[in-house]
Amino acid sequence: MIEIHLLILATVTVLGMVFSYLAITEKDLLKAVGFSAVQAIAYAIAFYILMAPDIVLAYVAIAVGIYSALLVFVISKTERYEVV
C-alpha cells in the first residue's frame, strides 16, 4: 500500500513540474494559465497524499480558483499573446 502512494506521489510531482515548465514557456497567456491550473491540481493531489487536507483546501481555492480567475481577467484587459 505504501509503494502505491509513493508511486502516485512521484507521478503527480513530475506531472506538476512538467506543467510548470509548459506554463513558463508558453507564449499564449491563456494556455499558460490553464497549464498553471493543472500544475496546481497536481500539487494539491500530492499534498493530499502527504495527508495535509487543510493545505489542500486552501491551495485549491487560491491556486486553482482565485488565482486563475484573476489572471484570466487581467489577460482579458491586455494582449493574449506574449510579445517577444
PDB file of N, CA and C in Angstrom:
ATOM      1  N   MET A   1       0.823  -1.202   0.000  1.00  0.00           N
ATOM      2  CA  MET A   1       0.000   0.000   0.000  1.00  0.00           C
ATOM      3  C   MET A   1       0.864   1.262   0.000  1.00  0.00           C
ATOM      4  N   ILE A   2       1.935   1.252   0.779  1.00  0.00           N
ATOM      5  CA  ILE A   2       2.820   2.411   0.836  1.00  0.00           C
ATOM      6  C   ILE A   2       3.469   2.660  -0.526  1.00  0.00           C
ATOM      7  N   GLU A   3       3.834   1.601  -1.220  1.00  0.00           N
ATOM      8  CA  GLU A   3       4.501   1.757  -2.511  1.00  0.00           C
ATOM      9  C   GLU A   3       3.591   2.419  -3.536  1.00  0.00           C
ATOM     10  N   ILE A   4       2.301   2.115  -3.475  1.00  0.00           N
ATOM     11  CA  ILE A   4       1.359   2.731  -4.413  1.00  0.00           C
ATOM     12  C   ILE A   4       1.259   4.229  -4.152  1.00  0.00           C
ATOM     13  N   HIS A   5       1.221   4.615  -2.871  1.00  0.00           N
ATOM     14  CA  HIS A   5       1.154   6.036  -2.541  1.00  0.00           C
ATOM     15  C   HIS A   5       2.411   6.777  -3.000  1.00  0.00           C
ATOM     16  N   LEU A   6       3.563   6.146  -2.812  1.00  0.00           N
ATOM     17  CA  LEU A   6       4.800   6.792  -3.249  1.00  0.00           C
ATOM     18  C   LEU A   6       4.872   6.896  -4.768  1.00  0.00           C
ATOM     19  N   LEU A   7       4.373   5.880  -5.458  1.00  0.00           N
ATOM     20  CA  LEU A   7       4.352   5.927  -6.923  1.00  0.00           C
ATOM     21  C   LEU A   7       3.423   7.024  -7.423  1.00  0.00           C
ATOM     22  N   ILE A   8       2.248   7.148  -6.820  1.00  0.00           N
ATOM     23  CA  ILE A   8       1.311   8.213  -7.203  1.00  0.00           C
ATOM     24  C   ILE A   8       1.907   9.577  -6.863  1.00  0.00           C
ATOM     25  N   LEU A   9       2.549   9.691  -5.699  1.00  0.00           N
ATOM     26  CA  LEU A   9       3.174  10.954  -5.298  1.00  0.00           C
ATOM     27  C   LEU A   9       4.261  11.365  -6.289  1.00  0.00           C
ATOM     28  N   ALA A  10       5.106  10.418  -6.672  1.00  0.00           N
ATOM     29  CA  ALA A  10       6.167  10.723  -7.644  1.00  0.00           C
ATOM     30  C   ALA A  10       5.572  11.111  -8.992  1.00  0.00           C
ATOM     31  N   THR A  11       4.512  10.435  -9.396  1.00  0.00           N
ATOM     32  CA  THR A  11       3.894  10.719 -10.695  1.00  0.00           C
ATOM     33  C   THR A  11       3.283  12.115 -10.723  1.00  0.00           C
ATOM     34  N   VAL A  12       2.499  12.476  -9.695  1.00  0.00           N
ATOM     35  CA  VAL A  12       1.861  13.792  -9.716  1.00  0.00           C
ATOM     36  C   VAL A  12       2.880  14.906  -9.517  1.00  0.00           C
ATOM     37  N   THR A  13       3.977  14.626  -8.819  1.00  0.00           N
ATOM     38  CA  THR A  13       5.019  15.640  -8.663  1.00  0.00           C
ATOM     39  C   THR A  13       5.714  15.911  -9.997  1.00  0.00           C
ATOM     40  N   VAL A  14       6.044  14.852 -10.718  1.00  0.00           N
ATOM     41  CA  VAL A  14       6.658  15.025 -12.043  1.00  0.00           C
ATOM     42  C   VAL A  14       5.676  15.699 -12.992  1.00  0.00           C
ATOM     43  N   LEU A  15       4.404  15.299 -12.936  1.00  0.00           N
ATOM     44  CA  LEU A  15       3.378  15.929 -13.759  1.00  0.00           C
ATOM     45  C   LEU A  15       3.269  17.424 -13.442  1.00  0.00           C
ATOM     46  N   GLY A  16       3.330  17.771 -12.167  1.00  0.00           N
ATOM     47  CA  GLY A  16       3.303  19.182 -11.772  1.00  0.00           C
ATOM     48  C   GLY A  16       4.491  19.952 -12.314  1.00  0.00           C
ATOM     49  N   MET A  17       5.668  19.334 -12.287  1.00  0.00           N
ATOM     50  CA  MET A  17       6.850  20.005 -12.824  1.00  0.00           C
ATOM     51  C   MET A  17       6.756  20.183 -14.337  1.00  0.00           C
ATOM     52  N   VAL A  18       6.225  19.185 -15.033  1.00  0.00           N
ATOM     53  CA  VAL A  18       6.064  19.288 -16.487  1.00  0.00           C
ATOM     54  C   VAL A  18       5.118  20.438 -16.833  1.00  0.00           C
ATOM     55  N   PHE A  19       3.982  20.520 -16.127  1.00  0.00           N
ATOM     56  CA  PHE A  19       3.037  21.591 -16.417  1.00  0.00           C
ATOM     57  C   PHE A  19       3.573  22.950 -15.973  1.00  0.00           C
ATOM     58  N   SER A  20       4.430  23.002 -14.968  1.00  0.00           N
ATOM     59  CA  SER A  20       5.087  24.259 -14.602  1.00  0.00           C
ATOM     60  C   SER A  20       5.990  24.734 -15.741  1.00  0.00           C
ATOM     61  N   TYR A  21       6.749  23.804 -16.313  1.00  0.00           N
ATOM     62  CA  TYR A  21       7.610  24.145 -17.437  1.00  0.00           C
ATOM     63  C   TYR A  21       6.795  24.628 -18.631  1.00  0.00           C
ATOM     64  N   LEU A  22       5.695  23.914 -18.913  1.00  0.00           N
ATOM     65  CA  LEU A  22       4.849  24.316 -20.035  1.00  0.00           C
ATOM     66  C   LEU A  22       4.238  25.696 -19.805  1.00  0.00           C
ATOM     67  N   ALA A  23       3.855  26.003 -18.575  1.00  0.00           N
ATOM     68  CA  ALA A  23       3.289  27.318 -18.275  1.00  0.00           C
ATOM     69  C   ALA A  23       4.322  28.424 -18.447  1.00  0.00           C
ATOM     70  N   ILE A  24       5.561  28.134 -18.111  1.00  0.00           N
ATOM     71  CA  ILE A  24       6.610  29.153 -18.221  1.00  0.00           C
ATOM     72  C   ILE A  24       6.987  29.410 -19.677  1.00  0.00           C
ATOM     73  N   THR A  25       7.014  28.368 -20.497  1.00  0.00           N
ATOM     74  CA  THR A  25       7.482  28.518 -21.881  1.00  0.00           C
ATOM     75  C   THR A  25       6.383  28.865 -22.878  1.00  0.00           C
ATOM     76  N   GLU A  26       5.129  28.824 -22.461  1.00  0.00           N
ATOM     77  CA  GLU A  26       4.004  29.067 -23.377  1.00  0.00           C
ATOM     78  C   GLU A  26       3.912  30.554 -23.744  1.00  0.00           C
ATOM     79  N   LYS A  27       3.704  30.842 -25.016  1.00  0.00           N
ATOM     80  CA  LYS A  27       3.543  32.221 -25.484  1.00  0.00           C
ATOM     81  C   LYS A  27       2.096  32.697 -25.391  1.00  0.00           C
ATOM     82  N   ASP A  28       1.138  31.778 -25.456  1.00  0.00           N
ATOM     83  CA  ASP A  28      -0.273  32.117 -25.302  1.00  0.00           C
ATOM     84  C   ASP A  28      -0.579  32.170 -23.807  1.00  0.00           C
ATOM     85  N   LEU A  29      -0.941  33.337 -23.309  1.00  0.00           N
ATOM     86  CA  LEU A  29      -1.091  33.518 -21.876  1.00  0.00           C
ATOM     87  C   LEU A  29      -2.278  32.758 -21.298  1.00  0.00           C
ATOM     88  N   LEU A  30      -3.353  32.582 -22.067  1.00  0.00           N
ATOM     89  CA  LEU A  30      -4.485  31.808 -21.560  1.00  0.00           C
ATOM     90  C   LEU A  30      -4.125  30.327 -21.413  1.00  0.00           C
ATOM     91  N   LYS A  31      -3.357  29.798 -22.346  1.00  0.00           N
ATOM     92  CA  LYS A  31      -2.889  28.425 -22.214  1.00  0.00           C
ATOM     93  C   LYS A  31      -1.963  28.291 -21.009  1.00  0.00           C
ATOM     94  N   ALA A  32      -1.142  29.307 -20.775  1.00  0.00           N
ATOM     95  CA  ALA A  32      -0.238  29.281 -19.626  1.00  0.00           C
ATOM     96  C   ALA A  32      -1.021  29.255 -18.315  1.00  0.00           C
ATOM     97  N   VAL A  33      -2.122  29.973 -18.243  1.00  0.00           N
ATOM     98  CA  VAL A  33      -2.970  29.938 -17.050  1.00  0.00           C
ATOM     99  C   VAL A  33      -3.586  28.558 -16.883  1.00  0.00           C
ATOM    100  N   GLY A  34      -4.000  27.940 -17.974  1.00  0.00           N
ATOM    101  CA  GLY A  34      -4.529  26.580 -17.913  1.00  0.00           C
ATOM    102  C   GLY A  34      -3.488  25.579 -17.439  1.00  0.00           C
ATOM    103  N   PHE A  35      -2.267  25.692 -17.958  1.00  0.00           N
ATOM    104  CA  PHE A  35      -1.187  24.813 -17.510  1.00  0.00           C
ATOM    105  C   PHE A  35      -0.893  25.037 -16.026  1.00  0.00           C
ATOM    106  N   SER A  36      -0.940  26.288 -15.600  1.00  0.00           N
ATOM    107  CA  SER A  36      -0.706  26.599 -14.194  1.00  0.00           C
ATOM    108  C   SER A  36      -1.796  26.000 -13.304  1.00  0.00           C
ATOM    109  N   ALA A  37      -3.022  25.997 -13.778  1.00  0.00           N
ATOM    110  CA  ALA A  37      -4.113  25.398 -13.001  1.00  0.00           C
ATOM    111  C   ALA A  37      -3.944  23.883 -12.897  1.00  0.00           C
ATOM    112  N   VAL A  38      -3.524  23.242 -13.982  1.00  0.00           N
ATOM    113  CA  VAL A  38      -3.285  21.796 -13.942  1.00  0.00           C
ATOM    114  C   VAL A  38      -2.126  21.483 -13.003  1.00  0.00           C
ATOM    115  N   GLN A  39      -1.102  22.317 -13.019  1.00  0.00           N
ATOM    116  CA  GLN A  39       0.024  22.144 -12.097  1.00  0.00           C
ATOM    117  C   GLN A  39      -0.440  22.272 -10.654  1.00  0.00           C
ATOM    118  N   ALA A  40      -1.319  23.207 -10.385  1.00  0.00           N
ATOM    119  CA  ALA A  40      -1.835  23.392  -9.026  1.00  0.00           C
ATOM    120  C   ALA A  40      -2.665  22.183  -8.588  1.00  0.00           C
ATOM    121  N   ILE A  41      -3.431  21.615  -9.503  1.00  0.00           N
ATOM    122  CA  ILE A  41      -4.207  20.418  -9.172  1.00  0.00           C
ATOM    123  C   ILE A  41      -3.279  19.244  -8.875  1.00  0.00           C
ATOM    124  N   ALA A  42      -2.213  19.106  -9.650  1.00  0.00           N
ATOM    125  CA  ALA A  42      -1.258  18.019  -9.413  1.00  0.00           C
ATOM    126  C   ALA A  42      -0.611  18.160  -8.035  1.00  0.00           C
ATOM    127  N   TYR A  43      -0.221  19.378  -7.670  1.00  0.00           N
ATOM    128  CA  TYR A  43       0.390  19.569  -6.359  1.00  0.00           C
ATOM    129  C   TYR A  43      -0.628  19.426  -5.227  1.00  0.00           C
ATOM    130  N   ALA A  44      -1.888  19.746  -5.488  1.00  0.00           N
ATOM    131  CA  ALA A  44      -2.931  19.522  -4.486  1.00  0.00           C
ATOM    132  C   ALA A  44      -3.103  18.027  -4.223  1.00  0.00           C
ATOM    133  N   ILE A  45      -3.032  17.220  -5.277  1.00  0.00           N
ATOM    134  CA  ILE A  45      -3.099  15.765  -5.098  1.00  0.00           C
ATOM    135  C   ILE A  45      -1.894  15.285  -4.290  1.00  0.00           C
ATOM    136  N   ALA A  46      -0.728  15.865  -4.566  1.00  0.00           N
ATOM    137  CA  ALA A  46       0.466  15.497  -3.802  1.00  0.00           C
ATOM    138  C   ALA A  46       0.303  15.849  -2.329  1.00  0.00           C
ATOM    139  N   PHE A  47      -0.245  17.024  -2.034  1.00  0.00           N
ATOM    140  CA  PHE A  47      -0.484  17.402  -0.637  1.00  0.00           C
ATOM    141  C   PHE A  47      -1.494  16.472   0.016  1.00  0.00           C
ATOM    142  N   TYR A  48      -2.492  16.038  -0.735  1.00  0.00           N
ATOM    143  CA  TYR A  48      -3.486  15.112  -0.196  1.00  0.00           C
ATOM    144  C   TYR A  48      -2.845  13.769   0.142  1.00  0.00           C
ATOM    145  N   ILE A  49      -1.968  13.286  -0.722  1.00  0.00           N
ATOM    146  CA  ILE A  49      -1.277  12.026  -0.455  1.00  0.00           C
ATOM    147  C   ILE A  49      -0.368  12.171   0.764  1.00  0.00           C
ATOM    148  N   LEU A  50       0.194  13.352   0.959  1.00  0.00           N
ATOM    149  CA  LEU A  50       1.039  13.610   2.134  1.00  0.00           C
ATOM    150  C   LEU A  50       0.225  13.885   3.390  1.00  0.00           C
ATOM    151  N   MET A  51      -1.093  13.719   3.301  1.00  0.00           N
ATOM    152  CA  MET A  51      -2.020  13.847   4.427  1.00  0.00           C
ATOM    153  C   MET A  51      -2.027  15.259   5.014  1.00  0.00           C
ATOM    154  N   ALA A  52      -2.195  16.236   4.149  1.00  0.00           N
ATOM    155  CA  ALA A  52      -2.308  17.629   4.568  1.00  0.00           C
ATOM    156  C   ALA A  52      -3.595  18.218   4.000  1.00  0.00           C
ATOM    157  N   PRO A  53      -4.760  17.776   4.501  1.00  0.00           N
ATOM    158  CA  PRO A  53      -6.026  18.207   3.890  1.00  0.00           C
ATOM    159  C   PRO A  53      -6.308  19.692   4.056  1.00  0.00           C
ATOM    160  N   ASP A  54      -5.827  20.316   5.118  1.00  0.00           N
ATOM    161  CA  ASP A  54      -6.053  21.748   5.290  1.00  0.00           C
ATOM    162  C   ASP A  54      -5.303  22.552   4.236  1.00  0.00           C
ATOM    163  N   ILE A  55      -4.106  22.126   3.909  1.00  0.00           N
ATOM    164  CA  ILE A  55      -3.335  22.800   2.862  1.00  0.00           C
ATOM    165  C   ILE A  55      -3.991  22.576   1.507  1.00  0.00           C
ATOM    166  N   VAL A  56      -4.525  21.384   1.287  1.00  0.00           N
ATOM    167  CA  VAL A  56      -5.197  21.075   0.021  1.00  0.00           C
ATOM    168  C   VAL A  56      -6.388  22.006  -0.191  1.00  0.00           C
ATOM    169  N   LEU A  57      -7.209  22.178   0.830  1.00  0.00           N
ATOM    170  CA  LEU A  57      -8.396  23.034   0.693  1.00  0.00           C
ATOM    171  C   LEU A  57      -8.010  24.479   0.384  1.00  0.00           C
ATOM    172  N   ALA A  58      -7.018  24.997   1.085  1.00  0.00           N
ATOM    173  CA  ALA A  58      -6.582  26.375   0.827  1.00  0.00           C
ATOM    174  C   ALA A  58      -5.914  26.490  -0.532  1.00  0.00           C
ATOM    175  N   TYR A  59      -5.083  25.518  -0.897  1.00  0.00           N
ATOM    176  CA  TYR A  59      -4.343  25.569  -2.150  1.00  0.00           C
ATOM    177  C   TYR A  59      -5.269  25.498  -3.355  1.00  0.00           C
ATOM    178  N   VAL A  60      -6.259  24.619  -3.293  1.00  0.00           N
ATOM    179  CA  VAL A  60      -7.197  24.503  -4.415  1.00  0.00           C
ATOM    180  C   VAL A  60      -8.015  25.782  -4.551  1.00  0.00           C
ATOM    181  N   ALA A  61      -8.487  26.324  -3.448  1.00  0.00           N
ATOM    182  CA  ALA A  61      -9.300  27.539  -3.511  1.00  0.00           C
ATOM    183  C   ALA A  61      -8.514  28.723  -4.054  1.00  0.00           C
ATOM    184  N   ILE A  62      -7.285  28.845  -3.652  1.00  0.00           N
ATOM    185  CA  ILE A  62      -6.487  30.002  -4.060  1.00  0.00           C
ATOM    186  C   ILE A  62      -5.818  29.770  -5.412  1.00  0.00           C
ATOM    187  N   ALA A  63      -5.050  28.679  -5.552  1.00  0.00           N
ATOM    188  CA  ALA A  63      -4.243  28.469  -6.753  1.00  0.00           C
ATOM    189  C   ALA A  63      -5.081  28.131  -7.975  1.00  0.00           C
ATOM    190  N   VAL A  64      -6.109  27.331  -7.805  1.00  0.00           N
ATOM    191  CA  VAL A  64      -6.923  26.949  -8.959  1.00  0.00           C
ATOM    192  C   VAL A  64      -8.042  27.949  -9.184  1.00  0.00           C
ATOM    193  N   GLY A  65      -8.689  28.395  -8.127  1.00  0.00           N
ATOM    194  CA  GLY A  65      -9.866  29.252  -8.265  1.00  0.00           C
ATOM    195  C   GLY A  65      -9.553  30.723  -8.435  1.00  0.00           C
ATOM    196  N   ILE A  66      -9.143  31.349  -7.376  1.00  0.00           N
ATOM    197  CA  ILE A  66      -8.976  32.811  -7.360  1.00  0.00           C
ATOM    198  C   ILE A  66      -7.834  33.252  -8.282  1.00  0.00           C
ATOM    199  N   TYR A  67      -6.699  32.578  -8.177  1.00  0.00           N
ATOM    200  CA  TYR A  67      -5.524  32.960  -8.963  1.00  0.00           C
ATOM    201  C   TYR A  67      -5.794  32.858 -10.463  1.00  0.00           C
ATOM    202  N   SER A  68      -6.389  31.739 -10.886  1.00  0.00           N
ATOM    203  CA  SER A  68      -6.674  31.557 -12.310  1.00  0.00           C
ATOM    204  C   SER A  68      -7.711  32.555 -12.807  1.00  0.00           C
ATOM    205  N   ALA A  69      -8.747  32.779 -12.018  1.00  0.00           N
ATOM    206  CA  ALA A  69      -9.781  33.733 -12.416  1.00  0.00           C
ATOM    207  C   ALA A  69      -9.211  35.147 -12.514  1.00  0.00           C
ATOM    208  N   LEU A  70      -8.375  35.519 -11.576  1.00  0.00           N
ATOM    209  CA  LEU A  70      -7.763  36.849 -11.600  1.00  0.00           C
ATOM    210  C   LEU A  70      -6.857  37.010 -12.821  1.00  0.00           C
ATOM    211  N   LEU A  71      -6.069  35.987 -13.129  1.00  0.00           N
ATOM    212  CA  LEU A  71      -5.193  36.082 -14.296  1.00  0.00           C
ATOM    213  C   LEU A  71      -5.974  36.136 -15.607  1.00  0.00           C
ATOM    214  N   VAL A  72      -7.047  35.376 -15.709  1.00  0.00           N
ATOM    215  CA  VAL A  72      -7.879  35.439 -16.922  1.00  0.00           C
ATOM    216  C   VAL A  72      -8.485  36.828 -17.066  1.00  0.00           C
ATOM    217  N   PHE A  73      -8.921  37.428 -15.963  1.00  0.00           N
ATOM    218  CA  PHE A  73      -9.460  38.792 -16.001  1.00  0.00           C
ATOM    219  C   PHE A  73      -8.399  39.794 -16.451  1.00  0.00           C
ATOM    220  N   VAL A  74      -7.203  39.680 -15.917  1.00  0.00           N
ATOM    221  CA  VAL A  74      -6.126  40.604 -16.292  1.00  0.00           C
ATOM    222  C   VAL A  74      -5.734  40.411 -17.746  1.00  0.00           C
ATOM    223  N   ILE A  75      -5.671  39.167 -18.207  1.00  0.00           N
ATOM    224  CA  ILE A  75      -5.317  38.900 -19.604  1.00  0.00           C
ATOM    225  C   ILE A  75      -6.382  39.468 -20.535  1.00  0.00           C
ATOM    226  N   SER A  76      -7.640  39.442 -20.108  1.00  0.00           N
ATOM    227  CA  SER A  76      -8.699  39.995 -20.960  1.00  0.00           C
ATOM    228  C   SER A  76      -8.549  41.507 -21.129  1.00  0.00           C
ATOM    229  N   LYS A  77      -7.865  42.162 -20.215  1.00  0.00           N
ATOM    230  CA  LYS A  77      -7.640  43.603 -20.308  1.00  0.00           C
ATOM    231  C   LYS A  77      -6.379  43.944 -21.108  1.00  0.00           C
ATOM    232  N   THR A  78      -5.570  42.947 -21.428  1.00  0.00           N
ATOM    233  CA  THR A  78      -4.316  43.177 -22.152  1.00  0.00           C
ATOM    234  C   THR A  78      -4.282  42.309 -23.396  1.00  0.00           C
ATOM    235  N   GLU A  79      -3.096  42.054 -23.892  1.00  0.00           N
ATOM    236  CA  GLU A  79      -2.891  41.185 -25.049  1.00  0.00           C
ATOM    237  C   GLU A  79      -2.894  39.722 -24.613  1.00  0.00           C
ATOM    238  N   ARG A  80      -3.425  38.868 -25.472  1.00  0.00           N
ATOM    239  CA  ARG A  80      -3.463  37.441 -25.132  1.00  0.00           C
ATOM    240  C   ARG A  80      -2.114  36.780 -25.345  1.00  0.00           C
ATOM    241  N   TYR A  81      -1.381  37.208 -26.359  1.00  0.00           N
ATOM    242  CA  TYR A  81      -0.119  36.574 -26.671  1.00  0.00           C
ATOM    243  C   TYR A  81       1.035  37.420 -26.170  1.00  0.00           C
ATOM    244  N   GLU A  82       2.055  36.758 -25.686  1.00  0.00           N
ATOM    245  CA  GLU A  82       3.244  37.426 -25.187  1.00  0.00           C
ATOM    246  C   GLU A  82       4.017  38.021 -26.355  1.00  0.00           C
ATOM    247  N   VAL A  83       4.410  39.258 -26.216  1.00  0.00           N
ATOM    248  CA  VAL A  83       5.188  39.935 -27.249  1.00  0.00           C
ATOM    249  C   VAL A  83       6.660  39.768 -26.919  1.00  0.00           C
ATOM    250  N   VAL A  84       7.403  39.276 -27.896  1.00  0.00           N
ATOM    251  CA  VAL A  84       8.825  38.999 -27.668  1.00  0.00           C
ATOM    252  C   VAL A  84       9.659  40.181 -28.021  1.00  0.00           C
TER     253      VAL A  84
END
